[in-house]
Amino acid sequence: MKNYEKKQNWKGSALLAPVPPTLITCQHEEKKNIFTVAWTGIVCTRPAMTYISVRPERYSYDIIKNSESFVINLATTELVRAVDFCGVRSGKDVDKFEKFGLTTSPAKSVDAQTLDQSPINIECKVTQIIPLGTHDMFIAQIVSVDVAEEILDKNGRLALEKANLLAYSHGQYFSIGKQLGSFGFSVKKKTKKNNNKKRNRK
């Protein structure tokens, strides 16, 4: 295991990586938009809570504030150009749905739209807004999740590895690579079957 002994000490900055570049859909009355957010994550399990951090000057800020809802749409490698564009162009100036042929369906549990081209749509209801500085954090309860049947295995288990999800790291987009383990594998006890195989090899 490598030790990194020589390190430079930089000032504090937003350097956590990788992060998920998600597409957020929102609507209020006649306004509807889609934009890219990488500052998102899970903040609680029960109840299931998430957040997105948004600059107050962004077009979607007031839409989300007024509707008190939004949808986090997980992005696939096929959506990489749309993800990038939706992060650098404003819905005030261009219809981003039309630009990339993106379509939506009414969300099941919130006043918003879900992105049809995303395999997982996370429907969120805003519970709190926290001003932080350049961004305000919208804390929200995950009220429901829409999952494409194409990424379920034969037992109905979520097989997220089938989704070809994107990752974002220091200004660059990546496809998620090979699996290195699964949750709890470092403490999992070896089965008798595996132990017998090792004895037979000896």
N, C-alpha and C. Protein backbone atom coordinates (compact mmCIF):
# COMPACT_ATOMS: atom_id res chain seq x y z
N MET A 1 0.84 -1.19 0.00
CA MET A 1 0.00 0.00 0.00
C MET A 1 0.89 1.24 0.00
N LYS A 2 0.66 2.12 -0.95
CA LYS A 2 1.53 3.27 -1.12
C LYS A 2 1.25 4.37 -0.11
N ASN A 3 2.34 4.99 0.42
CA ASN A 3 2.22 6.17 1.26
C ASN A 3 2.56 7.41 0.44
N TYR A 4 1.72 8.45 0.57
CA TYR A 4 2.00 9.72 -0.11
C TYR A 4 2.65 10.65 0.90
N GLU A 5 3.98 10.70 0.91
CA GLU A 5 4.71 11.40 1.96
C GLU A 5 4.90 12.89 1.67
N LYS A 6 5.07 13.26 0.39
CA LYS A 6 5.29 14.65 0.04
C LYS A 6 3.98 15.28 -0.42
N LYS A 7 3.46 16.18 0.39
CA LYS A 7 2.19 16.83 0.06
C LYS A 7 2.32 18.33 0.23
N GLN A 8 1.64 19.08 -0.66
CA GLN A 8 1.54 20.52 -0.54
C GLN A 8 0.25 20.86 0.19
N ASN A 9 0.28 21.88 1.01
CA ASN A 9 -0.90 22.30 1.74
C ASN A 9 -1.54 23.49 1.02
N TRP A 10 -2.71 23.27 0.41
CA TRP A 10 -3.43 24.31 -0.32
C TRP A 10 -4.52 24.89 0.56
N LYS A 11 -5.02 26.06 0.15
CA LYS A 11 -6.16 26.63 0.86
C LYS A 11 -7.40 25.78 0.62
N GLY A 12 -8.38 25.86 1.52
CA GLY A 12 -9.59 25.06 1.39
C GLY A 12 -10.33 25.34 0.10
N SER A 13 -10.75 24.28 -0.58
CA SER A 13 -11.48 24.44 -1.85
C SER A 13 -12.37 23.23 -2.08
N ALA A 14 -13.27 23.35 -3.07
CA ALA A 14 -14.21 22.27 -3.38
C ALA A 14 -13.51 21.22 -4.23
N LEU A 15 -12.79 20.33 -3.57
CA LEU A 15 -11.96 19.37 -4.29
C LEU A 15 -12.38 17.92 -4.08
N LEU A 16 -13.55 17.70 -3.49
CA LEU A 16 -14.03 16.33 -3.32
C LEU A 16 -14.31 15.72 -4.68
N ALA A 17 -13.83 14.51 -4.91
CA ALA A 17 -14.03 13.86 -6.20
C ALA A 17 -13.89 12.35 -6.04
N PRO A 18 -14.53 11.56 -6.90
CA PRO A 18 -15.48 11.99 -7.93
C PRO A 18 -16.85 12.29 -7.33
N VAL A 19 -17.67 12.99 -8.10
CA VAL A 19 -19.04 13.30 -7.70
C VAL A 19 -19.98 12.96 -8.86
N PRO A 20 -21.27 12.79 -8.59
CA PRO A 20 -22.20 12.45 -9.67
C PRO A 20 -22.70 13.69 -10.41
N PRO A 21 -22.47 13.80 -11.71
CA PRO A 21 -23.04 14.92 -12.47
C PRO A 21 -24.48 14.60 -12.84
N THR A 22 -25.42 15.10 -12.07
CA THR A 22 -26.82 14.74 -12.25
C THR A 22 -27.57 15.82 -13.04
N LEU A 23 -28.65 15.43 -13.66
CA LEU A 23 -29.52 16.36 -14.36
C LEU A 23 -30.76 16.60 -13.50
N ILE A 24 -30.98 17.85 -13.13
CA ILE A 24 -32.11 18.21 -12.27
C ILE A 24 -33.23 18.76 -13.14
N THR A 25 -34.42 18.22 -13.00
CA THR A 25 -35.59 18.75 -13.68
C THR A 25 -36.50 19.41 -12.67
N CYS A 26 -37.08 20.55 -13.08
CA CYS A 26 -37.95 21.29 -12.18
C CYS A 26 -38.96 22.08 -13.00
N GLN A 27 -40.07 22.43 -12.37
CA GLN A 27 -41.08 23.24 -13.05
C GLN A 27 -41.94 23.97 -12.03
N HIS A 28 -42.43 25.14 -12.44
CA HIS A 28 -43.39 25.88 -11.63
C HIS A 28 -44.21 26.74 -12.58
N GLU A 29 -45.51 26.46 -12.58
CA GLU A 29 -46.44 27.14 -13.49
C GLU A 29 -45.94 26.96 -14.92
N GLU A 30 -45.66 28.06 -15.65
CA GLU A 30 -45.27 27.92 -17.06
C GLU A 30 -43.77 27.68 -17.24
N LYS A 31 -43.00 27.78 -16.16
CA LYS A 31 -41.55 27.61 -16.27
C LYS A 31 -41.15 26.16 -16.06
N LYS A 32 -40.25 25.68 -16.90
CA LYS A 32 -39.75 24.32 -16.84
C LYS A 32 -38.28 24.33 -17.24
N ASN A 33 -37.45 23.59 -16.56
CA ASN A 33 -36.03 23.63 -16.90
C ASN A 33 -35.33 22.33 -16.52
N ILE A 34 -34.13 22.18 -17.10
CA ILE A 34 -33.23 21.08 -16.76
C ILE A 34 -31.84 21.68 -16.65
N PHE A 35 -31.12 21.32 -15.58
CA PHE A 35 -29.76 21.84 -15.41
C PHE A 35 -28.91 20.83 -14.67
N THR A 36 -27.61 21.01 -14.76
CA THR A 36 -26.66 20.05 -14.21
C THR A 36 -26.24 20.44 -12.80
N VAL A 37 -26.23 19.47 -11.90
CA VAL A 37 -25.76 19.68 -10.53
C VAL A 37 -24.85 18.52 -10.14
N ALA A 38 -23.65 18.86 -9.69
CA ALA A 38 -22.74 17.85 -9.16
C ALA A 38 -22.67 17.92 -7.63
N TRP A 39 -23.08 19.06 -7.06
CA TRP A 39 -23.09 19.20 -5.61
C TRP A 39 -24.39 18.60 -5.07
N THR A 40 -24.37 17.29 -4.92
CA THR A 40 -25.54 16.57 -4.41
C THR A 40 -25.08 15.30 -3.70
N GLY A 41 -25.96 14.75 -2.89
CA GLY A 41 -25.62 13.52 -2.18
C GLY A 41 -26.71 13.14 -1.20
N ILE A 42 -26.46 12.10 -0.43
CA ILE A 42 -27.41 11.62 0.58
C ILE A 42 -27.00 12.17 1.93
N VAL A 43 -27.96 12.71 2.69
CA VAL A 43 -27.65 13.25 4.01
C VAL A 43 -28.29 12.46 5.15
N CYS A 44 -29.23 11.57 4.82
CA CYS A 44 -29.88 10.76 5.85
C CYS A 44 -30.53 9.55 5.20
N THR A 45 -30.58 8.44 5.95
CA THR A 45 -31.18 7.22 5.43
C THR A 45 -32.66 7.12 5.77
N ARG A 46 -32.99 7.34 7.04
CA ARG A 46 -34.39 7.26 7.48
C ARG A 46 -34.76 8.51 8.25
N PRO A 47 -35.56 9.40 7.69
CA PRO A 47 -36.11 9.31 6.33
C PRO A 47 -35.03 9.54 5.28
N ALA A 48 -35.30 9.06 4.08
CA ALA A 48 -34.34 9.24 3.00
C ALA A 48 -34.29 10.71 2.61
N MET A 49 -33.12 11.33 2.80
CA MET A 49 -32.97 12.76 2.55
C MET A 49 -31.77 13.01 1.65
N THR A 50 -31.93 14.00 0.79
CA THR A 50 -30.86 14.37 -0.13
C THR A 50 -30.73 15.88 -0.15
N TYR A 51 -29.85 16.39 -1.00
CA TYR A 51 -29.71 17.83 -1.14
C TYR A 51 -29.17 18.15 -2.53
N ILE A 52 -29.40 19.37 -2.97
CA ILE A 52 -28.67 19.94 -4.09
C ILE A 52 -28.29 21.36 -3.70
N SER A 53 -27.12 21.80 -4.09
CA SER A 53 -26.69 23.16 -3.83
C SER A 53 -26.76 23.95 -5.13
N VAL A 54 -27.44 25.10 -5.09
CA VAL A 54 -27.73 25.88 -6.30
C VAL A 54 -27.40 27.35 -6.04
N ARG A 55 -26.78 28.00 -7.00
CA ARG A 55 -26.53 29.43 -6.90
C ARG A 55 -27.88 30.18 -7.00
N PRO A 56 -28.12 31.16 -6.13
CA PRO A 56 -29.39 31.90 -6.17
C PRO A 56 -29.65 32.60 -7.50
N GLU A 57 -28.61 32.94 -8.25
CA GLU A 57 -28.82 33.64 -9.52
C GLU A 57 -29.18 32.71 -10.67
N ARG A 58 -29.14 31.41 -10.44
CA ARG A 58 -29.46 30.48 -11.52
C ARG A 58 -30.97 30.51 -11.82
N TYR A 59 -31.28 30.28 -13.08
CA TYR A 59 -32.67 30.32 -13.56
C TYR A 59 -33.57 29.36 -12.79
N SER A 60 -33.03 28.21 -12.43
CA SER A 60 -33.85 27.18 -11.77
C SER A 60 -34.05 27.43 -10.29
N TYR A 61 -33.28 28.33 -9.71
CA TYR A 61 -33.36 28.55 -8.26
C TYR A 61 -34.78 28.91 -7.82
N ASP A 62 -35.36 29.93 -8.44
CA ASP A 62 -36.70 30.36 -8.06
C ASP A 62 -37.76 29.32 -8.42
N ILE A 63 -37.52 28.58 -9.50
CA ILE A 63 -38.46 27.52 -9.88
C ILE A 63 -38.57 26.49 -8.75
N ILE A 64 -37.42 26.07 -8.25
CA ILE A 64 -37.40 25.07 -7.17
C ILE A 64 -37.92 25.67 -5.87
N LYS A 65 -37.52 26.89 -5.59
CA LYS A 65 -37.98 27.54 -4.35
C LYS A 65 -39.49 27.67 -4.32
N ASN A 66 -40.09 28.03 -5.46
CA ASN A 66 -41.54 28.23 -5.51
C ASN A 66 -42.32 26.92 -5.58
N SER A 67 -41.80 25.94 -6.28
CA SER A 67 -42.50 24.65 -6.41
C SER A 67 -42.24 23.73 -5.23
N GLU A 68 -41.12 23.98 -4.51
CA GLU A 68 -40.69 23.15 -3.38
C GLU A 68 -40.49 21.70 -3.79
N SER A 69 -40.04 21.50 -5.02
CA SER A 69 -39.80 20.14 -5.49
C SER A 69 -38.83 20.14 -6.66
N PHE A 70 -38.22 18.99 -6.89
CA PHE A 70 -37.32 18.79 -8.03
C PHE A 70 -37.08 17.29 -8.19
N VAL A 71 -36.49 16.92 -9.30
CA VAL A 71 -36.15 15.52 -9.55
C VAL A 71 -34.67 15.42 -9.89
N ILE A 72 -33.97 14.53 -9.20
CA ILE A 72 -32.58 14.23 -9.52
C ILE A 72 -32.59 13.06 -10.51
N ASN A 73 -32.10 13.31 -11.71
CA ASN A 73 -32.06 12.28 -12.75
C ASN A 73 -30.61 11.82 -12.92
N LEU A 74 -30.33 10.56 -12.61
CA LEU A 74 -28.96 10.07 -12.74
C LEU A 74 -28.58 10.04 -14.22
N ALA A 75 -27.35 10.44 -14.50
CA ALA A 75 -26.91 10.60 -15.89
C ALA A 75 -26.04 9.42 -16.33
N THR A 76 -26.28 8.96 -17.55
CA THR A 76 -25.51 7.88 -18.15
C THR A 76 -24.46 8.45 -19.10
N THR A 77 -23.58 7.57 -19.58
CA THR A 77 -22.55 8.00 -20.52
C THR A 77 -23.17 8.54 -21.81
N GLU A 78 -24.32 8.05 -22.19
CA GLU A 78 -25.00 8.55 -23.39
C GLU A 78 -25.44 10.00 -23.24
N LEU A 79 -25.58 10.45 -22.01
CA LEU A 79 -26.06 11.80 -21.74
C LEU A 79 -24.93 12.81 -21.49
N VAL A 80 -23.68 12.41 -21.70
CA VAL A 80 -22.55 13.25 -21.30
C VAL A 80 -22.56 14.63 -21.96
N ARG A 81 -22.90 14.71 -23.24
CA ARG A 81 -22.93 16.02 -23.91
C ARG A 81 -24.06 16.89 -23.36
N ALA A 82 -25.20 16.27 -23.11
CA ALA A 82 -26.32 17.01 -22.53
C ALA A 82 -25.98 17.49 -21.12
N VAL A 83 -25.30 16.64 -20.35
CA VAL A 83 -24.90 17.01 -18.99
C VAL A 83 -23.99 18.23 -19.03
N ASP A 84 -23.02 18.22 -19.93
CA ASP A 84 -22.10 19.34 -20.02
C ASP A 84 -22.82 20.61 -20.46
N PHE A 85 -23.64 20.51 -21.50
CA PHE A 85 -24.36 21.67 -22.03
C PHE A 85 -25.30 22.27 -20.99
N CYS A 86 -26.02 21.40 -20.29
CA CYS A 86 -27.01 21.87 -19.31
C CYS A 86 -26.35 22.51 -18.10
N GLY A 87 -25.04 22.34 -17.99
CA GLY A 87 -24.32 22.96 -16.89
C GLY A 87 -23.72 24.31 -17.25
N VAL A 88 -23.65 24.62 -18.55
CA VAL A 88 -23.01 25.87 -18.97
C VAL A 88 -23.95 26.82 -19.72
N ARG A 89 -25.17 26.38 -20.02
CA ARG A 89 -26.15 27.22 -20.69
C ARG A 89 -27.40 27.37 -19.82
N SER A 90 -27.98 28.56 -19.84
CA SER A 90 -29.13 28.85 -18.99
C SER A 90 -30.44 28.58 -19.69
N GLY A 91 -31.41 28.11 -18.93
CA GLY A 91 -32.75 27.91 -19.46
C GLY A 91 -33.45 29.22 -19.83
N LYS A 92 -32.90 30.34 -19.38
CA LYS A 92 -33.43 31.65 -19.79
C LYS A 92 -33.17 31.90 -21.27
N ASP A 93 -32.10 31.31 -21.80
CA ASP A 93 -31.66 31.61 -23.15
C ASP A 93 -31.94 30.51 -24.17
N VAL A 94 -32.09 29.28 -23.72
CA VAL A 94 -32.25 28.17 -24.66
C VAL A 94 -33.12 27.09 -24.04
N ASP A 95 -33.92 26.44 -24.90
CA ASP A 95 -34.71 25.28 -24.47
C ASP A 95 -33.80 24.06 -24.56
N LYS A 96 -33.27 23.65 -23.43
CA LYS A 96 -32.29 22.56 -23.41
C LYS A 96 -32.93 21.21 -23.71
N PHE A 97 -34.20 21.07 -23.43
CA PHE A 97 -34.91 19.84 -23.78
C PHE A 97 -34.93 19.68 -25.30
N GLU A 98 -35.30 20.73 -25.99
CA GLU A 98 -35.38 20.69 -27.45
C GLU A 98 -34.01 20.53 -28.07
N LYS A 99 -33.01 21.19 -27.50
CA LYS A 99 -31.65 21.14 -28.04
C LYS A 99 -31.13 19.72 -28.14
N PHE A 100 -31.43 18.88 -27.16
CA PHE A 100 -30.89 17.52 -27.14
C PHE A 100 -31.97 16.45 -27.31
N GLY A 101 -33.17 16.85 -27.67
CA GLY A 101 -34.23 15.88 -27.87
C GLY A 101 -34.61 15.15 -26.60
N LEU A 102 -34.50 15.83 -25.47
CA LEU A 102 -34.83 15.22 -24.18
C LEU A 102 -36.34 15.30 -23.93
N THR A 103 -36.90 14.24 -23.42
CA THR A 103 -38.33 14.19 -23.14
C THR A 103 -38.57 13.88 -21.67
N THR A 104 -39.75 14.26 -21.21
CA THR A 104 -40.07 14.07 -19.79
C THR A 104 -41.45 13.45 -19.61
N SER A 105 -41.68 12.97 -18.40
CA SER A 105 -42.98 12.45 -17.99
C SER A 105 -43.32 13.05 -16.63
N PRO A 106 -44.61 13.19 -16.33
CA PRO A 106 -44.98 13.75 -15.02
C PRO A 106 -44.46 12.88 -13.89
N ALA A 107 -43.88 13.52 -12.88
CA ALA A 107 -43.42 12.77 -11.70
C ALA A 107 -44.62 12.19 -10.97
N LYS A 108 -44.38 11.07 -10.28
CA LYS A 108 -45.47 10.39 -9.59
C LYS A 108 -45.85 11.06 -8.28
N SER A 109 -44.85 11.69 -7.60
CA SER A 109 -45.08 12.13 -6.23
C SER A 109 -44.84 13.61 -5.98
N VAL A 110 -44.26 14.32 -6.95
CA VAL A 110 -43.98 15.75 -6.75
C VAL A 110 -44.41 16.53 -7.99
N ASP A 111 -44.46 17.85 -7.83
CA ASP A 111 -44.86 18.72 -8.93
C ASP A 111 -43.63 19.03 -9.78
N ALA A 112 -43.23 18.06 -10.60
CA ALA A 112 -42.06 18.20 -11.46
C ALA A 112 -42.16 17.15 -12.57
N GLN A 113 -41.15 17.13 -13.41
CA GLN A 113 -41.08 16.15 -14.50
C GLN A 113 -39.88 15.24 -14.29
N THR A 114 -40.00 13.99 -14.75
CA THR A 114 -38.86 13.08 -14.73
C THR A 114 -38.29 12.97 -16.13
N LEU A 115 -36.98 12.78 -16.23
CA LEU A 115 -36.31 12.69 -17.51
C LEU A 115 -36.41 11.27 -18.05
N ASP A 116 -37.00 11.10 -19.23
CA ASP A 116 -37.20 9.77 -19.80
C ASP A 116 -35.89 9.07 -20.14
N GLN A 117 -34.85 9.84 -20.44
CA GLN A 117 -33.57 9.26 -20.86
C GLN A 117 -32.69 8.87 -19.67
N SER A 118 -33.16 9.10 -18.46
CA SER A 118 -32.43 8.71 -17.26
C SER A 118 -32.99 7.40 -16.71
N PRO A 119 -32.14 6.44 -16.34
CA PRO A 119 -32.64 5.16 -15.82
C PRO A 119 -33.19 5.24 -14.40
N ILE A 120 -32.80 6.28 -13.65
CA ILE A 120 -33.29 6.45 -12.29
C ILE A 120 -33.65 7.90 -12.04
N ASN A 121 -34.89 8.12 -11.63
CA ASN A 121 -35.38 9.46 -11.31
C ASN A 121 -35.71 9.51 -9.82
N ILE A 122 -35.08 10.43 -9.10
CA ILE A 122 -35.26 10.54 -7.66
C ILE A 122 -36.14 11.75 -7.38
N GLU A 123 -37.38 11.52 -6.98
CA GLU A 123 -38.36 12.58 -6.78
C GLU A 123 -38.23 13.17 -5.37
N CYS A 124 -38.05 14.49 -5.31
CA CYS A 124 -37.68 15.14 -4.06
C CYS A 124 -38.61 16.28 -3.68
N LYS A 125 -38.91 16.37 -2.40
CA LYS A 125 -39.74 17.44 -1.85
C LYS A 125 -38.89 18.28 -0.90
N VAL A 126 -38.75 19.57 -1.20
CA VAL A 126 -37.90 20.46 -0.41
C VAL A 126 -38.46 20.63 1.00
N THR A 127 -37.58 20.49 2.00
CA THR A 127 -37.98 20.68 3.39
C THR A 127 -37.28 21.87 4.05
N GLN A 128 -36.15 22.28 3.46
CA GLN A 128 -35.37 23.35 4.09
C GLN A 128 -34.42 23.97 3.06
N ILE A 129 -34.19 25.27 3.17
CA ILE A 129 -33.21 25.95 2.33
C ILE A 129 -32.19 26.61 3.24
N ILE A 130 -30.92 26.29 3.04
CA ILE A 130 -29.86 26.82 3.89
C ILE A 130 -28.89 27.66 3.05
N PRO A 131 -28.82 28.97 3.30
CA PRO A 131 -27.83 29.81 2.60
C PRO A 131 -26.42 29.48 3.10
N LEU A 132 -25.50 29.24 2.18
CA LEU A 132 -24.15 28.84 2.56
C LEU A 132 -23.08 29.81 2.10
N GLY A 133 -23.36 30.60 1.08
CA GLY A 133 -22.35 31.48 0.49
C GLY A 133 -22.66 31.64 -0.98
N THR A 134 -21.81 31.10 -1.83
CA THR A 134 -22.09 31.16 -3.27
C THR A 134 -23.32 30.35 -3.62
N HIS A 135 -23.62 29.30 -2.84
CA HIS A 135 -24.75 28.41 -3.10
C HIS A 135 -25.70 28.37 -1.91
N ASP A 136 -26.96 28.09 -2.19
CA ASP A 136 -27.93 27.72 -1.16
C ASP A 136 -28.19 26.23 -1.27
N MET A 137 -28.30 25.58 -0.15
CA MET A 137 -28.56 24.14 -0.13
C MET A 137 -30.05 23.87 0.02
N PHE A 138 -30.62 23.16 -0.94
CA PHE A 138 -32.00 22.69 -0.84
C PHE A 138 -31.98 21.29 -0.24
N ILE A 139 -32.36 21.17 1.00
CA ILE A 139 -32.49 19.85 1.62
C ILE A 139 -33.88 19.32 1.32
N ALA A 140 -33.95 18.06 0.91
CA ALA A 140 -35.23 17.53 0.45
C ALA A 140 -35.41 16.06 0.87
N GLN A 141 -36.65 15.69 1.07
CA GLN A 141 -36.98 14.29 1.33
C GLN A 141 -37.19 13.58 0.01
N ILE A 142 -36.61 12.40 -0.10
CA ILE A 142 -36.82 11.56 -1.28
C ILE A 142 -38.15 10.85 -1.09
N VAL A 143 -39.15 11.28 -1.84
CA VAL A 143 -40.50 10.74 -1.62
C VAL A 143 -40.78 9.51 -2.48
N SER A 144 -40.08 9.39 -3.61
CA SER A 144 -40.21 8.18 -4.42
C SER A 144 -39.07 8.13 -5.43
N VAL A 145 -38.84 6.93 -5.97
CA VAL A 145 -37.78 6.71 -6.95
C VAL A 145 -38.34 5.90 -8.11
N ASP A 146 -38.10 6.35 -9.34
CA ASP A 146 -38.54 5.62 -10.52
C ASP A 146 -37.33 4.91 -11.13
N VAL A 147 -37.44 3.59 -11.30
CA VAL A 147 -36.31 2.78 -11.74
C VAL A 147 -36.67 2.03 -13.03
N ALA A 148 -35.83 2.15 -14.04
CA ALA A 148 -36.06 1.46 -15.31
C ALA A 148 -35.92 -0.04 -15.13
N GLU A 149 -36.83 -0.79 -15.70
CA GLU A 149 -36.80 -2.24 -15.57
C GLU A 149 -35.56 -2.84 -16.23
N GLU A 150 -34.99 -2.12 -17.19
CA GLU A 150 -33.80 -2.62 -17.88
C GLU A 150 -32.59 -2.77 -16.96
N ILE A 151 -32.60 -2.10 -15.81
CA ILE A 151 -31.45 -2.23 -14.92
C ILE A 151 -31.80 -3.05 -13.67
N LEU A 152 -32.81 -3.89 -13.79
CA LEU A 152 -33.12 -4.86 -12.75
C LEU A 152 -32.67 -6.24 -13.21
N ASP A 153 -32.18 -7.07 -12.28
CA ASP A 153 -31.81 -8.42 -12.67
C ASP A 153 -33.04 -9.33 -12.64
N LYS A 154 -32.85 -10.60 -12.88
CA LYS A 154 -33.98 -11.54 -12.99
C LYS A 154 -34.74 -11.70 -11.68
N ASN A 155 -34.10 -11.31 -10.57
CA ASN A 155 -34.76 -11.40 -9.27
C ASN A 155 -35.38 -10.07 -8.84
N GLY A 156 -35.34 -9.09 -9.72
CA GLY A 156 -35.89 -7.79 -9.41
C GLY A 156 -34.97 -6.90 -8.60
N ARG A 157 -33.71 -7.32 -8.45
CA ARG A 157 -32.72 -6.53 -7.70
C ARG A 157 -32.17 -5.44 -8.59
N LEU A 158 -31.91 -4.28 -8.00
CA LEU A 158 -31.31 -3.19 -8.75
C LEU A 158 -29.87 -3.56 -9.13
N ALA A 159 -29.61 -3.60 -10.42
CA ALA A 159 -28.27 -3.90 -10.94
C ALA A 159 -27.72 -2.62 -11.56
N LEU A 160 -27.29 -1.70 -10.71
CA LEU A 160 -26.91 -0.36 -11.14
C LEU A 160 -25.72 -0.37 -12.10
N GLU A 161 -24.96 -1.46 -12.07
CA GLU A 161 -23.82 -1.56 -12.98
C GLU A 161 -24.24 -1.61 -14.44
N LYS A 162 -25.51 -1.90 -14.69
CA LYS A 162 -26.03 -1.94 -16.05
C LYS A 162 -26.33 -0.55 -16.60
N ALA A 163 -26.33 0.46 -15.74
CA ALA A 163 -26.80 1.79 -16.13
C ALA A 163 -25.75 2.65 -16.83
N ASN A 164 -24.47 2.26 -16.75
CA ASN A 164 -23.39 3.04 -17.37
C ASN A 164 -23.42 4.50 -16.90
N LEU A 165 -23.36 4.67 -15.59
CA LEU A 165 -23.46 6.01 -15.02
C LEU A 165 -22.18 6.82 -15.19
N LEU A 166 -22.34 8.15 -15.16
CA LEU A 166 -21.22 9.08 -15.28
C LEU A 166 -20.64 9.42 -13.91
N ALA A 167 -19.36 9.80 -13.92
CA ALA A 167 -18.73 10.40 -12.75
C ALA A 167 -18.03 11.67 -13.21
N TYR A 168 -17.90 12.63 -12.30
CA TYR A 168 -17.27 13.92 -12.61
C TYR A 168 -16.13 14.14 -11.63
N SER A 169 -14.95 14.44 -12.15
CA SER A 169 -13.80 14.62 -11.29
C SER A 169 -12.91 15.74 -11.81
N HIS A 170 -12.83 16.82 -11.05
CA HIS A 170 -11.92 17.93 -11.34
C HIS A 170 -12.03 18.43 -12.78
N GLY A 171 -13.28 18.67 -13.21
CA GLY A 171 -13.51 19.25 -14.52
C GLY A 171 -13.60 18.26 -15.67
N GLN A 172 -13.57 16.97 -15.36
CA GLN A 172 -13.61 15.96 -16.42
C GLN A 172 -14.68 14.91 -16.12
N TYR A 173 -15.23 14.34 -17.20
CA TYR A 173 -16.26 13.31 -17.09
C TYR A 173 -15.65 11.93 -17.32
N PHE A 174 -16.10 10.95 -16.55
CA PHE A 174 -15.60 9.59 -16.66
C PHE A 174 -16.75 8.60 -16.62
N SER A 175 -16.57 7.47 -17.29
CA SER A 175 -17.49 6.36 -17.09
C SER A 175 -16.98 5.56 -15.90
N ILE A 176 -17.90 4.97 -15.16
CA ILE A 176 -17.51 4.21 -13.98
C ILE A 176 -16.80 2.92 -14.41
N GLY A 177 -15.68 2.62 -13.78
CA GLY A 177 -14.84 1.50 -14.19
C GLY A 177 -15.21 0.17 -13.57
N LYS A 178 -14.23 -0.71 -13.48
CA LYS A 178 -14.47 -2.08 -13.03
C LYS A 178 -14.79 -2.15 -11.54
N GLN A 179 -15.54 -3.16 -11.17
CA GLN A 179 -15.90 -3.36 -9.77
C GLN A 179 -14.70 -3.90 -9.01
N LEU A 180 -14.44 -3.32 -7.83
CA LEU A 180 -13.32 -3.75 -7.00
C LEU A 180 -13.78 -4.50 -5.76
N GLY A 181 -15.06 -4.43 -5.45
CA GLY A 181 -15.58 -5.10 -4.27
C GLY A 181 -17.04 -4.75 -4.10
N SER A 182 -17.63 -5.20 -3.04
CA SER A 182 -19.01 -4.85 -2.73
C SER A 182 -19.10 -4.52 -1.25
N PHE A 183 -20.19 -3.86 -0.85
CA PHE A 183 -20.31 -3.38 0.52
C PHE A 183 -20.10 -4.50 1.53
N GLY A 184 -19.16 -4.30 2.46
CA GLY A 184 -18.90 -5.27 3.51
C GLY A 184 -17.94 -6.38 3.13
N PHE A 185 -17.38 -6.36 1.90
CA PHE A 185 -16.53 -7.48 1.47
C PHE A 185 -15.27 -7.61 2.31
N SER A 186 -14.81 -6.51 2.90
CA SER A 186 -13.56 -6.55 3.68
C SER A 186 -13.70 -7.29 5.00
N VAL A 187 -14.94 -7.46 5.48
CA VAL A 187 -15.15 -8.14 6.76
C VAL A 187 -15.96 -9.42 6.60
N LYS A 188 -16.27 -9.75 5.36
CA LYS A 188 -17.09 -10.93 5.11
C LYS A 188 -16.30 -12.21 5.41
N LYS A 189 -16.94 -13.12 6.13
CA LYS A 189 -16.29 -14.38 6.47
C LYS A 189 -16.27 -15.31 5.26
N LYS A 190 -15.20 -16.04 5.12
CA LYS A 190 -15.07 -16.97 4.00
C LYS A 190 -15.99 -18.16 4.24
N THR A 191 -16.62 -18.61 3.17
CA THR A 191 -17.53 -19.75 3.27
C THR A 191 -16.76 -21.05 3.35
N LYS A 192 -17.41 -22.10 3.86
CA LYS A 192 -16.77 -23.41 3.94
C LYS A 192 -16.39 -23.91 2.56
N LYS A 193 -17.23 -23.58 1.58
CA LYS A 193 -16.97 -24.02 0.21
C LYS A 193 -15.65 -23.48 -0.29
N ASN A 194 -15.40 -22.20 -0.05
CA ASN A 194 -14.14 -21.60 -0.48
C ASN A 194 -12.96 -22.17 0.28
N ASN A 195 -13.16 -22.43 1.57
CA ASN A 195 -12.07 -23.02 2.37
C ASN A 195 -11.72 -24.41 1.89
N ASN A 196 -12.74 -25.21 1.49
CA ASN A 196 -12.50 -26.56 0.99
C ASN A 196 -11.72 -26.53 -0.32
N LYS A 197 -12.04 -25.54 -1.18
CA LYS A 197 -11.33 -25.40 -2.44
C LYS A 197 -9.85 -25.14 -2.21
N LYS A 198 -9.56 -24.31 -1.21
CA LYS A 198 -8.16 -23.99 -0.91
C LYS A 198 -7.42 -25.21 -0.39
N ARG A 199 -8.12 -26.04 0.44
CA ARG A 199 -7.47 -27.24 0.97
C ARG A 199 -7.18 -28.23 -0.16
N ASN A 200 -8.13 -28.33 -1.13
CA ASN A 200 -7.93 -29.25 -2.25
C ASN A 200 -6.76 -28.84 -3.14
N ARG A 201 -6.53 -27.52 -3.23
CA ARG A 201 -5.40 -27.05 -4.05
C ARG A 201 -4.08 -27.42 -3.40
N LYS A 202 -4.08 -27.51 -2.08
CA LYS A 202 -2.85 -27.90 -1.38
C LYS A 202 -2.59 -29.38 -1.58
